[in-house]
Amino acid sequence: MHLHQLWVFYHVARHGSFSRAANALFLSQPSVSNQVKRLEEVYGIRLFERAGKTRLTRAGEVLFTYAERIFTLAREAESAIEALKRTRGGKITISAGNTLGAYYLPDIIARFRQRHPRTEIRMTAGYTQSVVEDVLASRSDLGLIGQSVDHPNLVQLPLWEEELVLVVPPGHPFARRRSVPVSRLQDESLILSERGSGVRTVTDGLFARAGVSPRIAMELGENEAVKRAVASGQGITVISAKAVKEELEAGTLRAVRLSGSRLRRRFFLIHHRDRPLSRLIRAFLEEVLRDETREVGPRPLPSTLQPPIRKGRKGKTRP
């Protein structure tokens, strides 16, 4: 196998098309097809189903996983060399849950870049499963999620907790009450985040424990869409208190306590067990933990985040 053949295969798999891969690589389509054919001859197995839409075979899926890791490592090598050439510079890729990406990380990143102005940070947001997949595939250096995961290739660091609140429009009968029992939600129209989100996992658990089967009027993928739907009177929701802070202060939405239930969820930071953490990434981890002290008080960076962080003369942690 030649690395160039793997590079061509990787682009065909990513683009799902021989012609689009050819355009991306500035090659002719016959050249791309020939490189993939040679790779298939090396392995003695077909890597693509060519009938109709170009799709990976099972062997192709396996090879693509390794190709992605290989070229991610190549990019990491480039970043590491660039970091050595530049003072306190480099690149960090982060994948985060939607709430973390929209309401928590922007402030953390802004503070971090004040200390490391030459750092490039790329962040994507999605559901927990997509964040986990990004970290496992080495597409992201770090992942921040709103629920715990258990995977042998992941190191998981518990972070702070956040409160979830029941939110209703100002004209709703619940808005005039200090609290309502969970059982009262049985007859309400609920607007919930889609399955796979951390908030939805907590909400479903709440209903299951209370034996409540609420009427779900709508499932939406973004907090902003959920808030607009509630404000327009289409239903009520359970949502991150951080995500709805401005609306509660403005009075466009009202928060109501669920009697007997204090809804909270914990955030977690994950990284791949087999990937070494650069000084720059460890410095960012410290910034995340520094933000956590606003919620739960200071604590040292866990020893599981290797290589270990050195201590200065006055006991201050240095990245």
C-alpha atoms as a PDB file:
ATOM      1  CA  MET A   1       0.000   0.000   0.000  1.00  0.00           C
ATOM      2  CA  HIS A   2       1.211   3.475  -0.906  1.00  0.00           C
ATOM      3  CA  LEU A   3       0.210   6.414   1.282  1.00  0.00           C
ATOM      4  CA  HIS A   4      -1.005   8.300  -1.785  1.00  0.00           C
ATOM      5  CA  GLN A   5      -3.442   5.497  -2.582  1.00  0.00           C
ATOM      6  CA  LEU A   6      -4.770   5.646   0.973  1.00  0.00           C
ATOM      7  CA  TRP A   7      -5.084   9.437   0.682  1.00  0.00           C
ATOM      8  CA  VAL A   8      -7.156   9.105  -2.487  1.00  0.00           C
ATOM      9  CA  PHE A   9      -9.319   6.372  -0.925  1.00  0.00           C
ATOM     10  CA  TYR A  10      -9.848   8.578   2.135  1.00  0.00           C
ATOM     11  CA  HIS A  11     -11.166  11.440   0.003  1.00  0.00           C
ATOM     12  CA  VAL A  12     -13.509   9.221  -1.990  1.00  0.00           C
ATOM     13  CA  ALA A  13     -14.926   7.861   1.256  1.00  0.00           C
ATOM     14  CA  ARG A  14     -15.291  11.329   2.767  1.00  0.00           C
ATOM     15  CA  HIS A  15     -16.956  12.837  -0.289  1.00  0.00           C
ATOM     16  CA  GLY A  16     -18.988   9.743  -1.174  1.00  0.00           C
ATOM     17  CA  SER A  17     -18.101  10.266  -4.822  1.00  0.00           C
ATOM     18  CA  PHE A  18     -15.172   9.584  -7.126  1.00  0.00           C
ATOM     19  CA  SER A  19     -15.823  12.788  -9.089  1.00  0.00           C
ATOM     20  CA  ARG A  20     -16.009  15.033  -6.016  1.00  0.00           C
ATOM     21  CA  ALA A  21     -12.846  13.433  -4.636  1.00  0.00           C
ATOM     22  CA  ALA A  22     -11.113  14.087  -7.960  1.00  0.00           C
ATOM     23  CA  ASN A  23     -12.106  17.769  -7.792  1.00  0.00           C
ATOM     24  CA  ALA A  24     -10.882  18.069  -4.204  1.00  0.00           C
ATOM     25  CA  LEU A  25      -7.536  16.465  -5.058  1.00  0.00           C
ATOM     26  CA  PHE A  26      -7.133  18.223  -8.436  1.00  0.00           C
ATOM     27  CA  LEU A  27      -6.879  14.854 -10.162  1.00  0.00           C
ATOM     28  CA  SER A  28      -8.764  13.315 -13.053  1.00  0.00           C
ATOM     29  CA  GLN A  29     -11.552  10.922 -12.186  1.00  0.00           C
ATOM     30  CA  PRO A  30      -9.846   8.006 -14.035  1.00  0.00           C
ATOM     31  CA  SER A  31      -6.725   8.635 -11.945  1.00  0.00           C
ATOM     32  CA  VAL A  32      -8.740   8.495  -8.718  1.00  0.00           C
ATOM     33  CA  SER A  33     -10.495   5.310  -9.822  1.00  0.00           C
ATOM     34  CA  ASN A  34      -7.164   3.736 -10.757  1.00  0.00           C
ATOM     35  CA  GLN A  35      -5.597   4.521  -7.362  1.00  0.00           C
ATOM     36  CA  VAL A  36      -8.548   2.983  -5.516  1.00  0.00           C
ATOM     37  CA  LYS A  37      -8.487  -0.057  -7.809  1.00  0.00           C
ATOM     38  CA  ARG A  38      -4.793  -0.606  -7.044  1.00  0.00           C
ATOM     39  CA  LEU A  39      -5.509  -0.378  -3.325  1.00  0.00           C
ATOM     40  CA  GLU A  40      -8.262  -2.968  -3.686  1.00  0.00           C
ATOM     41  CA  GLU A  41      -5.815  -5.223  -5.526  1.00  0.00           C
ATOM     42  CA  VAL A  42      -3.302  -4.868  -2.697  1.00  0.00           C
ATOM     43  CA  TYR A  43      -5.861  -6.029  -0.140  1.00  0.00           C
ATOM     44  CA  GLY A  44      -7.668  -8.430  -2.440  1.00  0.00           C
ATOM     45  CA  ILE A  45     -11.095  -7.110  -1.488  1.00  0.00           C
ATOM     46  CA  ARG A  46     -13.524  -4.468  -2.726  1.00  0.00           C
ATOM     47  CA  LEU A  47     -13.603  -1.232  -0.729  1.00  0.00           C
ATOM     48  CA  PHE A  48     -16.583   0.419  -2.432  1.00  0.00           C
ATOM     49  CA  GLU A  49     -19.972  -0.684  -3.744  1.00  0.00           C
ATOM     50  CA  ARG A  50     -20.109   0.968  -7.150  1.00  0.00           C
ATOM     51  CA  ALA A  51     -23.658   0.044  -8.116  1.00  0.00           C
ATOM     52  CA  GLY A  52     -25.634   3.278  -7.838  1.00  0.00           C
ATOM     53  CA  LYS A  53     -24.408   5.536  -5.039  1.00  0.00           C
ATOM     54  CA  THR A  54     -20.761   5.123  -4.050  1.00  0.00           C
ATOM     55  CA  ARG A  55     -20.792   3.401  -0.656  1.00  0.00           C
ATOM     56  CA  LEU A  56     -18.126   1.782   1.488  1.00  0.00           C
ATOM     57  CA  THR A  57     -18.124  -1.973   1.920  1.00  0.00           C
ATOM     58  CA  ARG A  58     -17.523  -3.375   5.391  1.00  0.00           C
ATOM     59  CA  ALA A  59     -13.821  -3.650   4.564  1.00  0.00           C
ATOM     60  CA  GLY A  60     -13.893  -0.071   3.309  1.00  0.00           C
ATOM     61  CA  GLU A  61     -15.442   1.125   6.565  1.00  0.00           C
ATOM     62  CA  VAL A  62     -12.674  -0.565   8.559  1.00  0.00           C
ATOM     63  CA  LEU A  63      -9.951   0.916   6.364  1.00  0.00           C
ATOM     64  CA  PHE A  64     -11.550   4.369   6.504  1.00  0.00           C
ATOM     65  CA  THR A  65     -11.401   4.295  10.315  1.00  0.00           C
ATOM     66  CA  TYR A  66      -7.662   3.658  10.217  1.00  0.00           C
ATOM     67  CA  ALA A  67      -7.098   6.144   7.392  1.00  0.00           C
ATOM     68  CA  GLU A  68      -8.841   8.835   9.408  1.00  0.00           C
ATOM     69  CA  ARG A  69      -6.605   8.109  12.398  1.00  0.00           C
ATOM     70  CA  ILE A  70      -3.475   8.120  10.219  1.00  0.00           C
ATOM     71  CA  PHE A  71      -4.209  11.488   8.622  1.00  0.00           C
ATOM     72  CA  THR A  72      -5.380  12.981  11.908  1.00  0.00           C
ATOM     73  CA  LEU A  73      -2.009  12.013  13.398  1.00  0.00           C
ATOM     74  CA  ALA A  74      -0.298  13.606  10.405  1.00  0.00           C
ATOM     75  CA  ARG A  75      -2.177  16.859  11.083  1.00  0.00           C
ATOM     76  CA  GLU A  76      -1.263  16.600  14.751  1.00  0.00           C
ATOM     77  CA  ALA A  77       2.394  16.239  13.796  1.00  0.00           C
ATOM     78  CA  GLU A  78       2.139  19.410  11.716  1.00  0.00           C
ATOM     79  CA  SER A  79       0.447  21.230  14.598  1.00  0.00           C
ATOM     80  CA  ALA A  80       3.113  20.049  17.036  1.00  0.00           C
ATOM     81  CA  ILE A  81       5.899  21.305  14.794  1.00  0.00           C
ATOM     82  CA  GLU A  82       4.096  24.614  14.309  1.00  0.00           C
ATOM     83  CA  ALA A  83       3.658  24.893  18.075  1.00  0.00           C
ATOM     84  CA  LEU A  84       7.430  24.559  18.476  1.00  0.00           C
ATOM     85  CA  LYS A  85       7.975  27.280  15.879  1.00  0.00           C
ATOM     86  CA  ARG A  86       5.550  29.701  17.515  1.00  0.00           C
ATOM     87  CA  THR A  87       5.560  30.948  21.068  1.00  0.00           C
ATOM     88  CA  ARG A  88       2.576  29.594  22.984  1.00  0.00           C
ATOM     89  CA  GLY A  89       0.772  28.862  19.732  1.00  0.00           C
ATOM     90  CA  GLY A  90      -0.974  25.852  18.306  1.00  0.00           C
ATOM     91  CA  LYS A  91      -4.407  24.464  17.514  1.00  0.00           C
ATOM     92  CA  ILE A  92      -7.037  22.776  19.677  1.00  0.00           C
ATOM     93  CA  THR A  93     -10.110  21.026  18.302  1.00  0.00           C
ATOM     94  CA  ILE A  94     -13.097  20.657  20.610  1.00  0.00           C
ATOM     95  CA  SER A  95     -16.402  18.863  20.231  1.00  0.00           C
ATOM     96  CA  ALA A  96     -19.104  19.835  22.712  1.00  0.00           C
ATOM     97  CA  GLY A  97     -22.718  19.231  23.589  1.00  0.00           C
ATOM     98  CA  ASN A  98     -25.109  21.897  22.298  1.00  0.00           C
ATOM     99  CA  THR A  99     -25.658  23.632  25.654  1.00  0.00           C
ATOM    100  CA  LEU A 100     -21.954  23.626  26.518  1.00  0.00           C
ATOM    101  CA  GLY A 101     -21.034  24.870  23.063  1.00  0.00           C
ATOM    102  CA  ALA A 102     -23.536  27.713  23.105  1.00  0.00           C
ATOM    103  CA  TYR A 103     -23.599  28.917  26.723  1.00  0.00           C
ATOM    104  CA  TYR A 104     -20.441  27.802  28.559  1.00  0.00           C
ATOM    105  CA  LEU A 105     -17.486  27.345  26.219  1.00  0.00           C
ATOM    106  CA  PRO A 106     -17.501  30.760  24.477  1.00  0.00           C
ATOM    107  CA  ASP A 107     -16.556  32.528  27.733  1.00  0.00           C
ATOM    108  CA  ILE A 108     -13.997  29.851  28.631  1.00  0.00           C
ATOM    109  CA  ILE A 109     -12.397  30.070  25.185  1.00  0.00           C
ATOM    110  CA  ALA A 110     -12.321  33.872  25.318  1.00  0.00           C
ATOM    111  CA  ARG A 111     -10.464  33.824  28.642  1.00  0.00           C
ATOM    112  CA  PHE A 112      -8.086  31.137  27.419  1.00  0.00           C
ATOM    113  CA  ARG A 113      -7.212  33.101  24.269  1.00  0.00           C
ATOM    114  CA  GLN A 114      -6.384  36.145  26.377  1.00  0.00           C
ATOM    115  CA  ARG A 115      -3.574  34.050  27.874  1.00  0.00           C
ATOM    116  CA  HIS A 116      -2.756  32.257  24.608  1.00  0.00           C
ATOM    117  CA  PRO A 117      -3.624  34.760  21.839  1.00  0.00           C
ATOM    118  CA  ARG A 118      -1.876  32.800  19.085  1.00  0.00           C
ATOM    119  CA  THR A 119      -3.882  29.647  19.681  1.00  0.00           C
ATOM    120  CA  GLU A 120      -6.384  28.547  17.060  1.00  0.00           C
ATOM    121  CA  ILE A 121      -9.450  26.853  18.541  1.00  0.00           C
ATOM    122  CA  ARG A 122     -11.991  25.012  16.434  1.00  0.00           C
ATOM    123  CA  MET A 123     -15.223  23.918  18.062  1.00  0.00           C
ATOM    124  CA  THR A 124     -18.187  21.895  16.820  1.00  0.00           C
ATOM    125  CA  ALA A 125     -21.405  21.251  18.739  1.00  0.00           C
ATOM    126  CA  GLY A 126     -23.796  18.311  18.680  1.00  0.00           C
ATOM    127  CA  TYR A 127     -25.291  15.511  20.734  1.00  0.00           C
ATOM    128  CA  THR A 128     -23.326  13.313  23.114  1.00  0.00           C
ATOM    129  CA  GLN A 129     -22.969  10.462  20.619  1.00  0.00           C
ATOM    130  CA  SER A 130     -21.451  12.693  17.943  1.00  0.00           C
ATOM    131  CA  VAL A 131     -19.021  14.196  20.488  1.00  0.00           C
ATOM    132  CA  VAL A 132     -17.913  10.719  21.580  1.00  0.00           C
ATOM    133  CA  GLU A 133     -17.446   9.642  17.962  1.00  0.00           C
ATOM    134  CA  ASP A 134     -15.340  12.741  17.222  1.00  0.00           C
ATOM    135  CA  VAL A 135     -13.010  12.031  20.149  1.00  0.00           C
ATOM    136  CA  LEU A 136     -12.725   8.297  19.398  1.00  0.00           C
ATOM    137  CA  ALA A 137     -11.948   9.034  15.737  1.00  0.00           C
ATOM    138  CA  SER A 138      -9.379  11.678  16.783  1.00  0.00           C
ATOM    139  CA  ARG A 139     -11.278  14.392  14.959  1.00  0.00           C
ATOM    140  CA  SER A 140     -11.337  16.316  18.238  1.00  0.00           C
ATOM    141  CA  ASP A 141      -8.708  16.669  20.941  1.00  0.00           C
ATOM    142  CA  LEU A 142     -11.317  17.099  23.664  1.00  0.00           C
ATOM    143  CA  GLY A 143     -15.018  16.485  24.143  1.00  0.00           C
ATOM    144  CA  LEU A 144     -17.388  18.118  26.616  1.00  0.00           C
ATOM    145  CA  ILE A 145     -20.711  16.388  27.213  1.00  0.00           C
ATOM    146  CA  GLY A 146     -23.751  16.540  29.475  1.00  0.00           C
ATOM    147  CA  GLN A 147     -23.942  12.889  30.486  1.00  0.00           C
ATOM    148  CA  SER A 148     -21.556  10.147  31.545  1.00  0.00           C
ATOM    149  CA  VAL A 149     -20.226   7.640  29.001  1.00  0.00           C
ATOM    150  CA  ASP A 150     -18.387   4.390  29.524  1.00  0.00           C
ATOM    151  CA  HIS A 151     -15.839   3.421  26.863  1.00  0.00           C
ATOM    152  CA  PRO A 152     -12.480   1.653  27.286  1.00  0.00           C
ATOM    153  CA  ASN A 153     -10.711   4.129  24.991  1.00  0.00           C
ATOM    154  CA  LEU A 154     -11.940   7.250  26.755  1.00  0.00           C
ATOM    155  CA  VAL A 155     -10.712   9.076  29.845  1.00  0.00           C
ATOM    156  CA  GLN A 156     -13.628  10.871  31.509  1.00  0.00           C
ATOM    157  CA  LEU A 157     -13.292  13.799  33.895  1.00  0.00           C
ATOM    158  CA  PRO A 158     -16.372  14.929  35.870  1.00  0.00           C
ATOM    159  CA  LEU A 159     -16.894  18.687  35.818  1.00  0.00           C
ATOM    160  CA  TRP A 160     -19.531  20.950  37.345  1.00  0.00           C
ATOM    161  CA  GLU A 161     -23.272  20.451  37.638  1.00  0.00           C
ATOM    162  CA  GLU A 162     -25.993  22.663  36.214  1.00  0.00           C
ATOM    163  CA  GLU A 163     -29.628  23.070  37.160  1.00  0.00           C
ATOM    164  CA  LEU A 164     -32.491  22.206  34.831  1.00  0.00           C
ATOM    165  CA  VAL A 165     -35.761  24.110  35.185  1.00  0.00           C
ATOM    166  CA  LEU A 166     -39.373  23.704  34.104  1.00  0.00           C
ATOM    167  CA  VAL A 167     -40.150  26.693  31.894  1.00  0.00           C
ATOM    168  CA  VAL A 168     -43.592  27.982  30.855  1.00  0.00           C
ATOM    169  CA  PRO A 169     -44.907  31.064  29.008  1.00  0.00           C
ATOM    170  CA  PRO A 170     -46.028  33.969  31.254  1.00  0.00           C
ATOM    171  CA  GLY A 171     -49.712  33.306  30.588  1.00  0.00           C
ATOM    172  CA  HIS A 172     -49.611  29.637  31.542  1.00  0.00           C
ATOM    173  CA  PRO A 173     -51.502  28.591  34.737  1.00  0.00           C
ATOM    174  CA  PHE A 174     -48.255  27.183  36.166  1.00  0.00           C
ATOM    175  CA  ALA A 175     -46.651  30.643  35.954  1.00  0.00           C
ATOM    176  CA  ARG A 176     -48.725  31.769  38.951  1.00  0.00           C
ATOM    177  CA  ARG A 177     -47.543  28.870  41.120  1.00  0.00           C
ATOM    178  CA  ARG A 178     -44.289  28.480  43.053  1.00  0.00           C
ATOM    179  CA  SER A 179     -44.142  24.740  42.367  1.00  0.00           C
ATOM    180  CA  VAL A 180     -46.059  21.928  40.718  1.00  0.00           C
ATOM    181  CA  PRO A 181     -45.827  18.135  41.170  1.00  0.00           C
ATOM    182  CA  VAL A 182     -44.335  16.119  38.343  1.00  0.00           C
ATOM    183  CA  SER A 183     -47.655  14.279  38.015  1.00  0.00           C
ATOM    184  CA  ARG A 184     -49.277  17.508  36.780  1.00  0.00           C
ATOM    185  CA  LEU A 185     -47.158  17.307  33.625  1.00  0.00           C
ATOM    186  CA  GLN A 186     -49.160  14.272  32.507  1.00  0.00           C
ATOM    187  CA  ASP A 187     -51.780  16.447  30.790  1.00  0.00           C
ATOM    188  CA  GLU A 188     -49.428  19.143  29.479  1.00  0.00           C
ATOM    189  CA  SER A 189     -48.049  19.601  25.984  1.00  0.00           C
ATOM    190  CA  LEU A 190     -44.301  19.217  26.308  1.00  0.00           C
ATOM    191  CA  ILE A 191     -41.648  20.561  23.977  1.00  0.00           C
ATOM    192  CA  LEU A 192     -38.498  18.534  24.492  1.00  0.00           C
ATOM    193  CA  SER A 193     -35.011  18.345  23.082  1.00  0.00           C
ATOM    194  CA  GLU A 194     -34.365  15.407  20.789  1.00  0.00           C
ATOM    195  CA  ARG A 195     -33.381  11.997  22.091  1.00  0.00           C
ATOM    196  CA  GLY A 196     -29.629  11.752  22.515  1.00  0.00           C
ATOM    197  CA  SER A 197     -29.242  15.074  24.291  1.00  0.00           C
ATOM    198  CA  GLY A 198     -28.186  15.195  27.925  1.00  0.00           C
ATOM    199  CA  VAL A 199     -31.261  17.195  28.975  1.00  0.00           C
ATOM    200  CA  ARG A 200     -33.564  14.681  27.304  1.00  0.00           C
ATOM    201  CA  THR A 201     -31.875  11.816  29.143  1.00  0.00           C
ATOM    202  CA  VAL A 202     -32.460  13.540  32.500  1.00  0.00           C
ATOM    203  CA  THR A 203     -36.041  14.449  31.570  1.00  0.00           C
ATOM    204  CA  ASP A 204     -36.926  10.924  30.454  1.00  0.00           C
ATOM    205  CA  GLY A 205     -35.476   9.588  33.711  1.00  0.00           C
ATOM    206  CA  LEU A 206     -37.618  12.024  35.708  1.00  0.00           C
ATOM    207  CA  PHE A 207     -40.803  10.913  33.956  1.00  0.00           C
ATOM    208  CA  ALA A 208     -39.938   7.228  34.331  1.00  0.00           C
ATOM    209  CA  ARG A 209     -39.357   7.553  38.087  1.00  0.00           C
ATOM    210  CA  ALA A 210     -42.619   9.452  38.531  1.00  0.00           C
ATOM    211  CA  GLY A 211     -44.586   7.036  36.339  1.00  0.00           C
ATOM    212  CA  VAL A 212     -45.621   9.894  34.073  1.00  0.00           C
ATOM    213  CA  SER A 213     -46.212   9.526  30.327  1.00  0.00           C
ATOM    214  CA  PRO A 214     -46.466  13.133  29.133  1.00  0.00           C
ATOM    215  CA  ARG A 215     -47.834  14.199  25.778  1.00  0.00           C
ATOM    216  CA  ILE A 216     -44.862  15.276  23.676  1.00  0.00           C
ATOM    217  CA  ALA A 217     -46.061  17.957  21.310  1.00  0.00           C
ATOM    218  CA  MET A 218     -42.721  18.647  19.694  1.00  0.00           C
ATOM    219  CA  GLU A 219     -39.084  17.492  19.656  1.00  0.00           C
ATOM    220  CA  LEU A 220     -36.545  20.132  18.648  1.00  0.00           C
ATOM    221  CA  GLY A 221     -32.803  20.000  18.207  1.00  0.00           C
ATOM    222  CA  GLU A 222     -31.753  23.442  19.438  1.00  0.00           C
ATOM    223  CA  ASN A 223     -32.309  25.278  22.710  1.00  0.00           C
ATOM    224  CA  GLU A 224     -33.221  28.482  20.877  1.00  0.00           C
ATOM    225  CA  ALA A 225     -35.969  26.694  18.947  1.00  0.00           C
ATOM    226  CA  VAL A 226     -37.298  25.160  22.156  1.00  0.00           C
ATOM    227  CA  LYS A 227     -37.412  28.553  23.883  1.00  0.00           C
ATOM    228  CA  ARG A 228     -39.211  30.224  20.966  1.00  0.00           C
ATOM    229  CA  ALA A 229     -41.790  27.438  20.846  1.00  0.00           C
ATOM    230  CA  VAL A 230     -42.508  27.780  24.572  1.00  0.00           C
ATOM    231  CA  ALA A 231     -42.678  31.591  24.393  1.00  0.00           C
ATOM    232  CA  SER A 232     -45.246  31.328  21.586  1.00  0.00           C
ATOM    233  CA  GLY A 233     -47.491  29.185  23.781  1.00  0.00           C
ATOM    234  CA  GLN A 234     -47.035  25.861  22.029  1.00  0.00           C
ATOM    235  CA  GLY A 235     -46.108  23.988  25.205  1.00  0.00           C
ATOM    236  CA  ILE A 236     -43.795  23.868  28.221  1.00  0.00           C
ATOM    237  CA  THR A 237     -40.302  22.420  28.597  1.00  0.00           C
ATOM    238  CA  VAL A 238     -37.480  21.341  30.869  1.00  0.00           C
ATOM    239  CA  ILE A 239     -34.292  23.134  29.894  1.00  0.00           C
ATOM    240  CA  SER A 240     -30.881  24.256  31.143  1.00  0.00           C
ATOM    241  CA  ALA A 241     -31.194  27.205  33.539  1.00  0.00           C
ATOM    242  CA  LYS A 242     -28.135  28.727  31.870  1.00  0.00           C
ATOM    243  CA  ALA A 243     -29.761  28.517  28.441  1.00  0.00           C
ATOM    244  CA  VAL A 244     -32.889  30.371  29.570  1.00  0.00           C
ATOM    245  CA  LYS A 245     -31.296  32.932  31.923  1.00  0.00           C
ATOM    246  CA  GLU A 246     -31.882  35.979  29.697  1.00  0.00           C
ATOM    247  CA  GLU A 247     -35.525  35.092  29.007  1.00  0.00           C
ATOM    248  CA  LEU A 248     -36.259  34.611  32.707  1.00  0.00           C
ATOM    249  CA  GLU A 249     -34.684  37.957  33.552  1.00  0.00           C
ATOM    250  CA  ALA A 250     -36.674  39.662  30.772  1.00  0.00           C
ATOM    251  CA  GLY A 251     -39.919  38.012  31.895  1.00  0.00           C
ATOM    252  CA  THR A 252     -40.672  36.461  28.506  1.00  0.00           C
ATOM    253  CA  LEU A 253     -40.570  33.023  30.155  1.00  0.00           C
ATOM    254  CA  ARG A 254     -41.213  31.824  33.701  1.00  0.00           C
ATOM    255  CA  ALA A 255     -39.449  29.094  35.685  1.00  0.00           C
ATOM    256  CA  VAL A 256     -41.470  26.845  37.978  1.00  0.00           C
ATOM    257  CA  ARG A 257     -40.073  24.453  40.592  1.00  0.00           C
ATOM    258  CA  LEU A 258     -41.049  20.794  40.375  1.00  0.00           C
ATOM    259  CA  SER A 259     -42.028  19.852  43.923  1.00  0.00           C
ATOM    260  CA  GLY A 260     -39.908  17.082  45.373  1.00  0.00           C
ATOM    261  CA  SER A 261     -37.478  17.162  42.457  1.00  0.00           C
ATOM    262  CA  ARG A 262     -34.327  19.197  42.003  1.00  0.00           C
ATOM    263  CA  LEU A 263     -33.233  18.578  38.467  1.00  0.00           C
ATOM    264  CA  ARG A 264     -29.478  18.718  37.941  1.00  0.00           C
ATOM    265  CA  ARG A 265     -27.056  17.150  35.530  1.00  0.00           C
ATOM    266  CA  ARG A 266     -23.274  16.891  35.540  1.00  0.00           C
ATOM    267  CA  PHE A 267     -20.968  17.822  32.700  1.00  0.00           C
ATOM    268  CA  PHE A 268     -17.963  15.693  31.734  1.00  0.00           C
ATOM    269  CA  LEU A 269     -14.771  16.239  29.778  1.00  0.00           C
ATOM    270  CA  ILE A 270     -13.440  13.341  27.695  1.00  0.00           C
ATOM    271  CA  HIS A 271     -10.296  12.650  25.695  1.00  0.00           C
ATOM    272  CA  HIS A 272      -8.841   9.621  23.951  1.00  0.00           C
ATOM    273  CA  ARG A 273      -6.865   7.379  26.282  1.00  0.00           C
ATOM    274  CA  ASP A 274      -4.136   6.686  23.715  1.00  0.00           C
ATOM    275  CA  ARG A 275      -3.529  10.285  22.638  1.00  0.00           C
ATOM    276  CA  PRO A 276      -0.886  12.257  24.545  1.00  0.00           C
ATOM    277  CA  LEU A 277      -2.050  15.661  25.746  1.00  0.00           C
ATOM    278  CA  SER A 278       0.116  18.572  24.666  1.00  0.00           C
ATOM    279  CA  ARG A 279       1.041  21.381  27.027  1.00  0.00           C
ATOM    280  CA  LEU A 280      -1.417  23.626  25.211  1.00  0.00           C
ATOM    281  CA  ILE A 281      -4.295  21.167  25.651  1.00  0.00           C
ATOM    282  CA  ARG A 282      -3.447  20.683  29.322  1.00  0.00           C
ATOM    283  CA  ALA A 283      -3.473  24.468  29.711  1.00  0.00           C
ATOM    284  CA  PHE A 284      -6.955  24.544  28.223  1.00  0.00           C
ATOM    285  CA  LEU A 285      -8.061  21.803  30.616  1.00  0.00           C
ATOM    286  CA  GLU A 286      -6.905  23.980  33.475  1.00  0.00           C
ATOM    287  CA  GLU A 287      -8.996  26.840  32.090  1.00  0.00           C
ATOM    288  CA  VAL A 288     -12.048  24.583  32.043  1.00  0.00           C
ATOM    289  CA  LEU A 289     -11.401  23.517  35.629  1.00  0.00           C
ATOM    290  CA  ARG A 290     -10.837  27.140  36.607  1.00  0.00           C
ATOM    291  CA  ASP A 291     -14.321  27.887  35.285  1.00  0.00           C
ATOM    292  CA  GLU A 292     -15.615  24.973  37.333  1.00  0.00           C
ATOM    293  CA  THR A 293     -14.482  26.635  40.570  1.00  0.00           C
ATOM    294  CA  ARG A 294     -17.371  29.084  40.180  1.00  0.00           C
ATOM    295  CA  GLU A 295     -19.675  26.126  40.781  1.00  0.00           C
ATOM    296  CA  VAL A 296     -17.970  23.597  43.048  1.00  0.00           C
ATOM    297  CA  GLY A 297     -14.767  25.157  44.348  1.00  0.00           C
ATOM    298  CA  PRO A 298     -11.147  24.654  43.202  1.00  0.00           C
ATOM    299  CA  ARG A 299      -9.499  21.280  42.835  1.00  0.00           C
ATOM    300  CA  PRO A 300      -6.263  20.073  41.193  1.00  0.00           C
ATOM    301  CA  LEU A 301      -6.039  18.704  37.672  1.00  0.00           C
ATOM    302  CA  PRO A 302      -6.560  14.910  37.965  1.00  0.00           C
ATOM    303  CA  SER A 303      -3.532  12.666  37.658  1.00  0.00           C
ATOM    304  CA  THR A 304      -5.330  10.674  34.931  1.00  0.00           C
ATOM    305  CA  LEU A 305      -4.632  13.506  32.515  1.00  0.00           C
ATOM    306  CA  GLN A 306      -1.166  12.454  31.410  1.00  0.00           C
ATOM    307  CA  PRO A 307       1.604  13.465  31.071  1.00  0.00           C
ATOM    308  CA  PRO A 308       1.662  14.931  34.603  1.00  0.00           C
ATOM    309  CA  ILE A 309       1.697  18.661  35.094  1.00  0.00           C
ATOM    310  CA  ARG A 310       4.734  20.112  36.789  1.00  0.00           C
ATOM    311  CA  LYS A 311       4.570  22.374  39.833  1.00  0.00           C
ATOM    312  CA  GLY A 312       6.262  25.735  40.055  1.00  0.00           C
ATOM    313  CA  ARG A 313       8.245  26.942  43.050  1.00  0.00           C
ATOM    314  CA  LYS A 314       5.189  28.464  44.677  1.00  0.00           C
ATOM    315  CA  GLY A 315       3.023  25.434  44.027  1.00  0.00           C
ATOM    316  CA  LYS A 316       1.224  26.948  41.039  1.00  0.00           C
ATOM    317  CA  THR A 317       0.393  24.571  38.259  1.00  0.00           C
ATOM    318  CA  ARG A 318       2.251  25.187  35.024  1.00  0.00           C
ATOM    319  CA  PRO A 319       1.058  23.795  31.671  1.00  0.00           C
END
